[in-house]
C-alpha atoms as a PDB file:
ATOM      1  CA  MET A   1      25.603 -91.827 -53.417  1.00  0.00           C
ATOM      2  CA  ALA A   2      24.395 -89.963 -49.866  1.00  0.00           C
ATOM      3  CA  VAL A   3      24.081 -91.336 -46.520  1.00  0.00           C
ATOM      4  CA  GLY A   4      22.447 -89.480 -43.839  1.00  0.00           C
ATOM      5  CA  GLU A   5      21.599 -91.309 -40.902  1.00  0.00           C
ATOM      6  CA  PRO A   6      23.892 -94.665 -40.284  1.00  0.00           C
ATOM      7  CA  GLY A   7      22.974 -97.591 -42.395  1.00  0.00           C
ATOM      8  CA  GLU A   8      20.171 -95.157 -44.348  1.00  0.00           C
ATOM      9  CA  ILE A   9      20.977 -94.785 -48.195  1.00  0.00           C
ATOM     10  CA  ARG A  10      18.977 -91.702 -49.368  1.00  0.00           C
ATOM     11  CA  ALA A  11      20.620 -91.667 -52.992  1.00  0.00           C
ATOM     12  CA  ARG A  12      22.258 -94.104 -55.268  1.00  0.00           C
ATOM     13  CA  MET A  13      25.173 -93.925 -57.836  1.00  0.00           C
ATOM     14  CA  PRO A  14      23.764 -94.234 -61.216  1.00  0.00           C
ATOM     15  CA  GLN A  15      23.222 -97.263 -63.005  1.00  0.00           C
ATOM     16  CA  PRO A  16      26.256 -98.455 -65.159  1.00  0.00           C
ATOM     17  CA  PRO A  17      25.729 -98.232 -69.233  1.00  0.00           C
ATOM     18  CA  VAL A  18      27.061-101.979 -69.705  1.00  0.00           C
ATOM     19  CA  SER A  19      26.679-105.355 -68.180  1.00  0.00           C
ATOM     20  CA  GLU A  20      29.557-108.063 -68.538  1.00  0.00           C
ATOM     21  CA  TYR A  21      28.785-110.502 -71.271  1.00  0.00           C
ATOM     22  CA  ALA A  22      30.616-113.526 -72.421  1.00  0.00           C
ATOM     23  CA  ALA A  23      32.694-112.827 -75.889  1.00  0.00           C
ATOM     24  CA  ARG A  24      32.543-114.736 -78.714  1.00  0.00           C
ATOM     25  CA  ALA A  25      35.944-116.578 -78.923  1.00  0.00           C
ATOM     26  CA  TRP A  26      37.783-119.844 -79.777  1.00  0.00           C
ATOM     27  CA  SER A  27      40.388-122.370 -79.113  1.00  0.00           C
ATOM     28  CA  GLY A  28      43.714-120.007 -80.144  1.00  0.00           C
ATOM     29  CA  TRP A  29      45.822-123.235 -81.136  1.00  0.00           C
ATOM     30  CA  LEU A  30      43.806-124.210 -84.412  1.00  0.00           C
ATOM     31  CA  ALA A  31      44.100-120.491 -85.497  1.00  0.00           C
ATOM     32  CA  LEU A  32      47.772-120.636 -84.740  1.00  0.00           C
ATOM     33  CA  ALA A  33      48.135-123.325 -86.767  1.00  0.00           C
ATOM     34  CA  VAL A  34      46.391-121.945 -89.471  1.00  0.00           C
ATOM     35  CA  GLY A  35      47.952-118.647 -89.541  1.00  0.00           C
ATOM     36  CA  LEU A  36      51.400-120.276 -89.461  1.00  0.00           C
ATOM     37  CA  ALA A  37      50.617-122.496 -92.267  1.00  0.00           C
ATOM     38  CA  LEU A  38      49.155-119.403 -94.697  1.00  0.00           C
ATOM     39  CA  VAL A  39      52.733-117.674 -93.808  1.00  0.00           C
ATOM     40  CA  VAL A  40      55.025-120.669 -94.447  1.00  0.00           C
ATOM     41  CA  GLY A  41      52.657-121.231 -97.905  1.00  0.00           C
ATOM     42  CA  ALA A  42      53.394-118.059 -98.834  1.00  0.00           C
ATOM     43  CA  VAL A  43      57.045-118.320 -98.091  1.00  0.00           C
ATOM     44  CA  VAL A  44      57.354-121.278-100.366  1.00  0.00           C
ATOM     45  CA  LEU A  45      55.083-119.716-103.091  1.00  0.00           C
ATOM     46  CA  ALA A  46      57.276-116.463-102.781  1.00  0.00           C
ATOM     47  CA  SER A  47      60.784-118.849-103.245  1.00  0.00           C
ATOM     48  CA  ASN A  48      58.934-120.676-106.410  1.00  0.00           C
ATOM     49  CA  SER A  49      57.631-117.586-107.408  1.00  0.00           C
ATOM     50  CA  THR A  50      56.575-117.130-111.493  1.00  0.00           C
ATOM     51  CA  THR A  51      54.722-113.919-112.992  1.00  0.00           C
ATOM     52  CA  GLY A  52      51.606-113.227-111.822  1.00  0.00           C
ATOM     53  CA  THR A  53      51.985-115.053-108.388  1.00  0.00           C
ATOM     54  CA  GLY A  54      52.776-111.732-105.841  1.00  0.00           C
ATOM     55  CA  ILE A  55      49.413-110.978-105.891  1.00  0.00           C
ATOM     56  CA  TYR A  56      48.631-114.427-104.113  1.00  0.00           C
ATOM     57  CA  VAL A  57      52.072-114.092-102.091  1.00  0.00           C
ATOM     58  CA  ALA A  58      50.851-111.055-101.004  1.00  0.00           C
ATOM     59  CA  ALA A  59      46.874-112.008-100.005  1.00  0.00           C
ATOM     60  CA  LEU A  60      48.718-115.419 -97.735  1.00  0.00           C
ATOM     61  CA  ILE A  61      50.731-112.919 -95.530  1.00  0.00           C
ATOM     62  CA  ALA A  62      47.597-110.672 -95.324  1.00  0.00           C
ATOM     63  CA  ALA A  63      45.150-113.615 -94.189  1.00  0.00           C
ATOM     64  CA  GLY A  64      48.364-115.111 -92.063  1.00  0.00           C
ATOM     65  CA  VAL A  65      48.875-112.234 -90.279  1.00  0.00           C
ATOM     66  CA  LEU A  66      45.121-111.340 -89.911  1.00  0.00           C
ATOM     67  CA  VAL A  67      44.660-114.997 -88.349  1.00  0.00           C
ATOM     68  CA  LEU A  68      47.694-114.298 -85.996  1.00  0.00           C
ATOM     69  CA  ILE A  69      46.326-110.854 -84.636  1.00  0.00           C
ATOM     70  CA  GLY A  70      43.308-112.621 -83.645  1.00  0.00           C
ATOM     71  CA  LEU A  71      45.040-114.588 -81.504  1.00  0.00           C
ATOM     72  CA  THR A  72      44.620-113.707 -77.488  1.00  0.00           C
ATOM     73  CA  ALA A  73      46.503-114.749 -74.261  1.00  0.00           C
ATOM     74  CA  VAL A  74      44.805-115.116 -71.240  1.00  0.00           C
ATOM     75  CA  ALA A  75      46.639-115.609 -67.474  1.00  0.00           C
ATOM     76  CA  PRO A  76      44.454-117.084 -64.637  1.00  0.00           C
ATOM     77  CA  GLY A  77      43.434-114.053 -62.735  1.00  0.00           C
ATOM     78  CA  GLN A  78      42.908-111.713 -65.715  1.00  0.00           C
ATOM     79  CA  ALA A  79      39.893-110.802 -68.249  1.00  0.00           C
ATOM     80  CA  ARG A  80      40.088-109.412 -71.430  1.00  0.00           C
ATOM     81  CA  VAL A  81      37.198-106.811 -72.348  1.00  0.00           C
ATOM     82  CA  VAL A  82      36.461-107.215 -76.103  1.00  0.00           C
ATOM     83  CA  SER A  83      35.192-103.837 -78.004  1.00  0.00           C
ATOM     84  CA  LEU A  84      34.622-103.663 -82.185  1.00  0.00           C
ATOM     85  CA  PHE A  85      34.616-100.271 -83.108  1.00  0.00           C
ATOM     86  CA  GLY A  86      33.734 -98.313 -79.825  1.00  0.00           C
ATOM     87  CA  ARG A  87      31.191-101.104 -78.967  1.00  0.00           C
ATOM     88  CA  TYR A  88      31.163-103.580 -76.115  1.00  0.00           C
ATOM     89  CA  ALA A  89      31.358-106.758 -77.557  1.00  0.00           C
ATOM     90  CA  GLY A  90      32.192-109.364 -74.594  1.00  0.00           C
ATOM     91  CA  THR A  91      34.495-110.517 -72.021  1.00  0.00           C
ATOM     92  CA  ILE A  92      36.882-113.427 -72.338  1.00  0.00           C
ATOM     93  CA  ARG A  93      37.439-115.065 -69.366  1.00  0.00           C
ATOM     94  CA  ASP A  94      38.612-118.654 -70.368  1.00  0.00           C
ATOM     95  CA  THR A  95      42.225-119.157 -69.381  1.00  0.00           C
ATOM     96  CA  GLY A  96      44.583-119.890 -72.096  1.00  0.00           C
ATOM     97  CA  LEU A  97      44.991-118.929 -75.815  1.00  0.00           C
ATOM     98  CA  ARG A  98      42.084-118.135 -77.417  1.00  0.00           C
ATOM     99  CA  TRP A  99      40.940-116.329 -80.905  1.00  0.00           C
ATOM    100  CA  VAL A 100      38.652-113.751 -81.583  1.00  0.00           C
ATOM    101  CA  ASN A 101      37.600-110.852 -84.364  1.00  0.00           C
ATOM    102  CA  PRO A 102      41.177-109.439 -85.585  1.00  0.00           C
ATOM    103  CA  PHE A 103      39.504-106.551 -85.878  1.00  0.00           C
ATOM    104  CA  THR A 104      38.343-106.022 -82.245  1.00  0.00           C
ATOM    105  CA  ARG A 105      40.309-104.077 -78.723  1.00  0.00           C
ATOM    106  CA  ARG A 106      41.284-106.395 -76.576  1.00  0.00           C
ATOM    107  CA  ARG A 107      41.421-104.409 -73.423  1.00  0.00           C
ATOM    108  CA  GLN A 108      43.361-106.615 -70.080  1.00  0.00           C
ATOM    109  CA  VAL A 109      41.778-106.144 -66.228  1.00  0.00           C
ATOM    110  CA  SER A 110      42.945-107.527 -63.449  1.00  0.00           C
ATOM    111  CA  THR A 111      40.488-109.642 -61.551  1.00  0.00           C
ATOM    112  CA  ARG A 112      42.366-110.409 -58.818  1.00  0.00           C
ATOM    113  CA  ILE A 113      41.964-109.844 -55.328  1.00  0.00           C
ATOM    114  CA  ARG A 114      43.217-106.488 -54.298  1.00  0.00           C
ATOM    115  CA  ASN A 115      44.235-104.124 -51.045  1.00  0.00           C
ATOM    116  CA  HIS A 116      44.152-100.228 -51.013  1.00  0.00           C
ATOM    117  CA  GLU A 117      44.980 -98.700 -47.748  1.00  0.00           C
ATOM    118  CA  THR A 118      44.057 -94.941 -47.366  1.00  0.00           C
ATOM    119  CA  ALA A 119      46.052 -92.650 -46.182  1.00  0.00           C
ATOM    120  CA  VAL A 120      45.826 -91.270 -42.546  1.00  0.00           C
ATOM    121  CA  LEU A 121      43.071 -88.865 -42.775  1.00  0.00           C
ATOM    122  CA  LYS A 122      42.295 -85.962 -40.318  1.00  0.00           C
ATOM    123  CA  VAL A 123      38.763 -85.630 -39.956  1.00  0.00           C
ATOM    124  CA  ASN A 124      35.874 -84.414 -37.240  1.00  0.00           C
ATOM    125  CA  ASP A 125      33.949 -86.888 -35.136  1.00  0.00           C
ATOM    126  CA  ALA A 126      30.228 -86.127 -34.497  1.00  0.00           C
ATOM    127  CA  ASP A 127      31.456 -84.113 -31.443  1.00  0.00           C
ATOM    128  CA  GLY A 128      33.978 -82.167 -33.917  1.00  0.00           C
ATOM    129  CA  ASN A 129      37.069 -83.201 -32.127  1.00  0.00           C
ATOM    130  CA  PRO A 130      39.905 -83.765 -34.846  1.00  0.00           C
ATOM    131  CA  ILE A 131      40.871 -87.383 -35.168  1.00  0.00           C
ATOM    132  CA  GLU A 132      42.983 -89.491 -37.356  1.00  0.00           C
ATOM    133  CA  MET A 133      41.884 -92.279 -39.430  1.00  0.00           C
ATOM    134  CA  ALA A 134      42.597 -94.865 -41.966  1.00  0.00           C
ATOM    135  CA  ALA A 135      41.221 -98.006 -43.127  1.00  0.00           C
ATOM    136  CA  VAL A 136      41.791-100.717 -45.494  1.00  0.00           C
ATOM    137  CA  VAL A 137      39.578-102.030 -48.089  1.00  0.00           C
ATOM    138  CA  VAL A 138      39.866-105.592 -49.901  1.00  0.00           C
ATOM    139  CA  TRP A 139      38.259-105.511 -53.163  1.00  0.00           C
ATOM    140  CA  GLN A 140      37.932-107.211 -56.472  1.00  0.00           C
ATOM    141  CA  VAL A 141      36.286-106.350 -59.954  1.00  0.00           C
ATOM    142  CA  ASP A 142      33.110-108.169 -60.628  1.00  0.00           C
ATOM    143  CA  ASP A 143      32.285-106.978 -63.660  1.00  0.00           C
ATOM    144  CA  THR A 144      35.002-106.325 -66.109  1.00  0.00           C
ATOM    145  CA  ALA A 145      32.505-104.066 -68.410  1.00  0.00           C
ATOM    146  CA  GLN A 146      31.030-101.401 -65.850  1.00  0.00           C
ATOM    147  CA  ALA A 147      34.820-101.441 -64.666  1.00  0.00           C
ATOM    148  CA  VAL A 148      35.755-100.497 -67.766  1.00  0.00           C
ATOM    149  CA  TYR A 149      33.107 -98.646 -69.218  1.00  0.00           C
ATOM    150  CA  ALA A 150      31.246 -96.965 -65.971  1.00  0.00           C
ATOM    151  CA  VAL A 151      34.208 -94.639 -65.228  1.00  0.00           C
ATOM    152  CA  ASP A 152      37.135 -93.451 -66.325  1.00  0.00           C
ATOM    153  CA  ASP A 153      39.715 -95.038 -64.337  1.00  0.00           C
ATOM    154  CA  PHE A 154      38.464 -98.203 -61.805  1.00  0.00           C
ATOM    155  CA  VAL A 155      41.383 -98.139 -59.384  1.00  0.00           C
ATOM    156  CA  GLN A 156      41.167 -94.382 -58.553  1.00  0.00           C
ATOM    157  CA  PHE A 157      37.428 -94.357 -58.598  1.00  0.00           C
ATOM    158  CA  VAL A 158      38.184 -96.879 -55.942  1.00  0.00           C
ATOM    159  CA  ALA A 159      40.357 -94.751 -53.913  1.00  0.00           C
ATOM    160  CA  ILE A 160      38.718 -91.757 -54.209  1.00  0.00           C
ATOM    161  CA  GLN A 161      35.029 -93.398 -52.663  1.00  0.00           C
ATOM    162  CA  THR A 162      36.662 -94.852 -50.008  1.00  0.00           C
ATOM    163  CA  GLU A 163      38.325 -91.913 -48.562  1.00  0.00           C
ATOM    164  CA  THR A 164      35.304 -90.403 -49.174  1.00  0.00           C
ATOM    165  CA  ALA A 165      33.398 -93.356 -47.316  1.00  0.00           C
ATOM    166  CA  VAL A 166      35.877 -93.210 -44.192  1.00  0.00           C
ATOM    167  CA  ARG A 167      35.405 -89.569 -43.891  1.00  0.00           C
ATOM    168  CA  HIS A 168      31.580 -89.699 -43.851  1.00  0.00           C
ATOM    169  CA  ILE A 169      31.680 -92.503 -41.022  1.00  0.00           C
ATOM    170  CA  ALA A 170      33.991 -90.747 -39.035  1.00  0.00           C
ATOM    171  CA  GLY A 171      31.508 -87.330 -39.080  1.00  0.00           C
ATOM    172  CA  ASN A 172      28.884 -89.887 -38.310  1.00  0.00           C
ATOM    173  CA  TYR A 173      29.861 -91.333 -34.556  1.00  0.00           C
ATOM    174  CA  PRO A 174      31.953 -89.809 -31.937  1.00  0.00           C
ATOM    175  CA  TYR A 175      35.201 -91.128 -30.585  1.00  0.00           C
ATOM    176  CA  ASP A 176      34.016 -92.462 -27.447  1.00  0.00           C
ATOM    177  CA  ALA A 177      30.232 -92.665 -26.334  1.00  0.00           C
ATOM    178  CA  ARG A 178      28.512 -90.348 -24.208  1.00  0.00           C
ATOM    179  CA  ARG A 179      25.716 -92.847 -23.476  1.00  0.00           C
ATOM    180  CA  ASP A 180      25.783 -96.420 -22.933  1.00  0.00           C
ATOM    181  CA  GLU A 181      23.348 -96.613 -26.218  1.00  0.00           C
ATOM    182  CA  GLN A 182      25.619 -94.695 -28.118  1.00  0.00           C
ATOM    183  CA  LEU A 183      27.792 -95.950 -30.946  1.00  0.00           C
ATOM    184  CA  SER A 184      31.704 -94.721 -30.904  1.00  0.00           C
ATOM    185  CA  LEU A 185      33.980 -95.384 -33.088  1.00  0.00           C
ATOM    186  CA  ARG A 186      36.563 -96.725 -30.292  1.00  0.00           C
ATOM    187  CA  GLN A 187      34.097 -99.261 -28.384  1.00  0.00           C
ATOM    188  CA  ASN A 188      31.916-100.443 -31.306  1.00  0.00           C
ATOM    189  CA  ALA A 189      34.300-101.332 -33.918  1.00  0.00           C
ATOM    190  CA  ALA A 190      32.539-104.249 -35.396  1.00  0.00           C
ATOM    191  CA  GLU A 191      29.411-102.238 -35.955  1.00  0.00           C
ATOM    192  CA  ILE A 192      31.354 -99.298 -37.598  1.00  0.00           C
ATOM    193  CA  THR A 193      33.738-101.478 -40.258  1.00  0.00           C
ATOM    194  CA  SER A 194      29.814-103.114 -41.168  1.00  0.00           C
ATOM    195  CA  GLN A 195      28.751-100.334 -41.913  1.00  0.00           C
ATOM    196  CA  LEU A 196      32.121 -98.573 -43.735  1.00  0.00           C
ATOM    197  CA  SER A 197      32.021-101.901 -45.894  1.00  0.00           C
ATOM    198  CA  ALA A 198      27.931-101.745 -46.803  1.00  0.00           C
ATOM    199  CA  GLU A 199      28.889 -97.633 -47.623  1.00  0.00           C
ATOM    200  CA  ILE A 200      32.102 -98.584 -49.609  1.00  0.00           C
ATOM    201  CA  SER A 201      30.232-101.138 -51.625  1.00  0.00           C
ATOM    202  CA  ALA A 202      26.968 -98.541 -52.479  1.00  0.00           C
ATOM    203  CA  ARG A 203      29.637 -96.108 -53.536  1.00  0.00           C
ATOM    204  CA  VAL A 204      31.561 -98.866 -56.194  1.00  0.00           C
ATOM    205  CA  ALA A 205      29.078-100.799 -57.280  1.00  0.00           C
ATOM    206  CA  SER A 206      28.159 -99.239 -60.293  1.00  0.00           C
ATOM    207  CA  ALA A 207      31.997 -99.341 -61.291  1.00  0.00           C
ATOM    208  CA  GLY A 208      31.204-103.485 -61.182  1.00  0.00           C
ATOM    209  CA  VAL A 209      33.356-103.792 -58.108  1.00  0.00           C
ATOM    210  CA  HIS A 210      32.820-106.147 -55.002  1.00  0.00           C
ATOM    211  CA  VAL A 211      33.893-105.594 -51.708  1.00  0.00           C
ATOM    212  CA  ILE A 212      35.104-108.635 -49.969  1.00  0.00           C
ATOM    213  CA  GLU A 213      36.149-106.816 -46.765  1.00  0.00           C
ATOM    214  CA  SER A 214      37.263-103.308 -44.803  1.00  0.00           C
ATOM    215  CA  ARG A 215      38.714-102.754 -41.895  1.00  0.00           C
ATOM    216  CA  ILE A 216      39.962 -99.629 -40.117  1.00  0.00           C
ATOM    217  CA  THR A 217      43.692 -99.785 -39.263  1.00  0.00           C
ATOM    218  CA  ARG A 218      43.895 -96.303 -37.286  1.00  0.00           C
ATOM    219  CA  LEU A 219      42.152 -94.452 -34.699  1.00  0.00           C
ATOM    220  CA  SER A 220      43.621 -91.966 -32.532  1.00  0.00           C
ATOM    221  CA  TYR A 221      42.593 -88.578 -31.355  1.00  0.00           C
ATOM    222  CA  ALA A 222      44.664 -85.900 -33.995  1.00  0.00           C
ATOM    223  CA  ALA A 223      48.568 -84.985 -31.876  1.00  0.00           C
ATOM    224  CA  GLU A 224      46.614 -81.096 -30.602  1.00  0.00           C
ATOM    225  CA  ILE A 225      44.480 -82.737 -28.617  1.00  0.00           C
ATOM    226  CA  ALA A 226      45.672 -86.306 -27.881  1.00  0.00           C
ATOM    227  CA  GLN A 227      47.277 -85.280 -24.253  1.00  0.00           C
ATOM    228  CA  ALA A 228      43.979 -83.469 -23.027  1.00  0.00           C
ATOM    229  CA  MET A 229      41.716 -86.398 -24.078  1.00  0.00           C
ATOM    230  CA  LEU A 230      44.309 -89.000 -22.623  1.00  0.00           C
ATOM    231  CA  ARG A 231      43.581 -87.033 -19.231  1.00  0.00           C
ATOM    232  CA  ARG A 232      39.988 -87.061 -19.880  1.00  0.00           C
ATOM    233  CA  GLN A 233      40.179 -90.572 -20.738  1.00  0.00           C
ATOM    234  CA  GLN A 234      42.103 -91.111 -17.239  1.00  0.00           C
ATOM    235  CA  ALA A 235      39.186 -88.797 -15.354  1.00  0.00           C
ATOM    236  CA  ASP A 236      36.646 -90.892 -16.755  1.00  0.00           C
ATOM    237  CA  ALA A 237      38.393 -93.808 -15.379  1.00  0.00           C
ATOM    238  CA  VAL A 238      39.085 -92.941 -12.008  1.00  0.00           C
ATOM    239  CA  VAL A 239      35.616 -91.692 -11.720  1.00  0.00           C
ATOM    240  CA  ALA A 240      33.813 -95.146 -12.874  1.00  0.00           C
ATOM    241  CA  ALA A 241      36.713 -97.357 -10.522  1.00  0.00           C
ATOM    242  CA  ARG A 242      35.384 -94.805  -7.785  1.00  0.00           C
ATOM    243  CA  THR A 243      31.647 -95.118  -8.230  1.00  0.00           C
ATOM    244  CA  ARG A 244      32.207 -98.760  -8.528  1.00  0.00           C
ATOM    245  CA  LEU A 245      34.161 -98.427  -5.056  1.00  0.00           C
ATOM    246  CA  VAL A 246      31.353 -96.643  -3.709  1.00  0.00           C
ATOM    247  CA  GLU A 247      28.920 -98.773  -4.631  1.00  0.00           C
ATOM    248  CA  GLY A 248      30.445-102.054  -3.182  1.00  0.00           C
ATOM    249  CA  ALA A 249      31.120 -99.762   0.055  1.00  0.00           C
ATOM    250  CA  VAL A 250      27.463 -99.239   0.354  1.00  0.00           C
ATOM    251  CA  GLY A 251      26.427-102.510   0.181  1.00  0.00           C
ATOM    252  CA  MET A 252      29.060-103.953   2.724  1.00  0.00           C
ATOM    253  CA  VAL A 253      28.130-101.348   4.802  1.00  0.00           C
ATOM    254  CA  ARG A 254      24.622-101.959   4.563  1.00  0.00           C
ATOM    255  CA  MET A 255      25.068-106.027   5.163  1.00  0.00           C
ATOM    256  CA  ALA A 256      27.095-104.945   8.060  1.00  0.00           C
ATOM    257  CA  LEU A 257      24.226-102.930   9.707  1.00  0.00           C
ATOM    258  CA  ASP A 258      21.781-105.504   9.254  1.00  0.00           C
ATOM    259  CA  ASP A 259      23.250-108.170  10.409  1.00  0.00           C
ATOM    260  CA  LEU A 260      23.780-106.388  13.553  1.00  0.00           C
ATOM    261  CA  ALA A 261      20.137-105.768  13.789  1.00  0.00           C
ATOM    262  CA  GLU A 262      18.943-108.905  13.016  1.00  0.00           C
ATOM    263  CA  GLN A 263      21.239-110.988  15.632  1.00  0.00           C
ATOM    264  CA  GLY A 264      20.839-108.629  18.485  1.00  0.00           C
ATOM    265  CA  ILE A 265      24.691-108.304  18.573  1.00  0.00           C
ATOM    266  CA  VAL A 266      24.339-104.607  19.700  1.00  0.00           C
ATOM    267  CA  ASP A 267      21.828-101.883  19.446  1.00  0.00           C
ATOM    268  CA  LEU A 268      22.751 -98.664  18.401  1.00  0.00           C
ATOM    269  CA  ASP A 269      21.150 -95.124  17.795  1.00  0.00           C
ATOM    270  CA  GLU A 270      20.933 -92.949  14.744  1.00  0.00           C
ATOM    271  CA  GLU A 271      24.124 -90.841  16.194  1.00  0.00           C
ATOM    272  CA  ARG A 272      25.820 -94.661  16.589  1.00  0.00           C
ATOM    273  CA  LYS A 273      24.859 -96.239  13.310  1.00  0.00           C
ATOM    274  CA  ALA A 274      25.880 -92.774  11.163  1.00  0.00           C
ATOM    275  CA  ALA A 275      29.749 -92.912  13.287  1.00  0.00           C
ATOM    276  CA  MET A 276      29.818 -96.568  11.900  1.00  0.00           C
ATOM    277  CA  VAL A 277      28.973 -95.739   9.102  1.00  0.00           C
ATOM    278  CA  SER A 278      30.809 -93.265   8.574  1.00  0.00           C
ATOM    279  CA  ASN A 279      34.215 -95.204   9.725  1.00  0.00           C
ATOM    280  CA  LEU A 280      33.234 -97.818   7.625  1.00  0.00           C
ATOM    281  CA  LEU A 281      33.299 -95.943   4.530  1.00  0.00           C
ATOM    282  CA  VAL A 282      36.575 -94.385   5.193  1.00  0.00           C
ATOM    283  CA  VAL A 283      37.875 -97.899   6.203  1.00  0.00           C
ATOM    284  CA  LEU A 284      36.305 -99.246   2.516  1.00  0.00           C
ATOM    285  CA  CYS A 285      37.320 -95.927   0.312  1.00  0.00           C
ATOM    286  CA  SER A 286      40.301 -95.054   1.134  1.00  0.00           C
ATOM    287  CA  ASP A 287      43.105 -95.395  -1.230  1.00  0.00           C
ATOM    288  CA  HIS A 288      45.401 -95.771   2.210  1.00  0.00           C
ATOM    289  CA  ALA A 289      45.834 -99.072   4.648  1.00  0.00           C
ATOM    290  CA  THR A 290      43.879 -97.215   7.867  1.00  0.00           C
ATOM    291  CA  GLN A 291      44.950 -97.689  11.040  1.00  0.00           C
ATOM    292  CA  PRO A 292      43.267 -99.543  13.674  1.00  0.00           C
ATOM    293  CA  VAL A 293      42.140 -97.647  17.219  1.00  0.00           C
ATOM    294  CA  VAL A 294      41.247 -99.867  20.011  1.00  0.00           C
ATOM    295  CA  ASN A 295      38.437 -98.584  22.014  1.00  0.00           C
ATOM    296  CA  THR A 296      39.449 -99.492  25.471  1.00  0.00           C
ATOM    297  CA  GLY A 297      36.616 -97.815  27.290  1.00  0.00           C
ATOM    298  CA  THR A 298      32.672 -97.964  26.394  1.00  0.00           C
ATOM    299  CA  LEU A 299      30.730 -97.561  22.790  1.00  0.00           C
ATOM    300  CA  TYR A 300      30.132 -93.977  24.195  1.00  0.00           C
ATOM    301  CA  GLN A 301      33.308 -92.627  25.287  1.00  0.00           C
END
């Protein structure tokens, strides 16, 4: 599968060769009783053996062994994929002691919920900056037949596809957004996580795996640029704070001039207005407390 624009899937994984269905299986307790009875019968017959009974003893033992070989125990959270001479013959999901054709092969597959956490990956974001990123995915085998027959090792397949998806998502977005409408890895964690889950799900679907959840567990700049990026973030924060401060100061100055003019408290010419604006901006925007100066003369002295 290849993903171009964020959320756009251009190609899909090939369709799996088989899909899961229930295997023909019966309760194993009756088969256990029959198998034990055949073996015990063979032992009793052998102890009272006469000429020509050896073949019957061997037949009883062979039949009992075949019946016992067909017994299969299925624990909770597990399934058995049954194949007969290389052909898929179904999956046993019912827990307990079951009996199937003794000539079949029964492969155990765990259907429990699993976690996979990627290693810390060093990748480049959309701006080309080296970043370190790791993620954890919660997954479960949904189709045991596809998990066994569609890929060589479905656990390793999930690990590799998860790492590929993390690298692809990291390369599609910048670490920090430069525009308000732009998605970024740091500011839009919910949206990025949703797209990460969707991409992992699409990549592992052909292996019969269902992705329950995925989360980004680590996101940071690489060590070689971390200090430089930290200074840039601090500079951006200072600029944003200054911009907000100036906007508020200009609004207060405008309000003061409008109130003075509306109430007719004092009539200022343009030069005195400019001086008053300058003084107010210095007072409002200064980092330190200003020292008041008392004017004991006139407004123009």
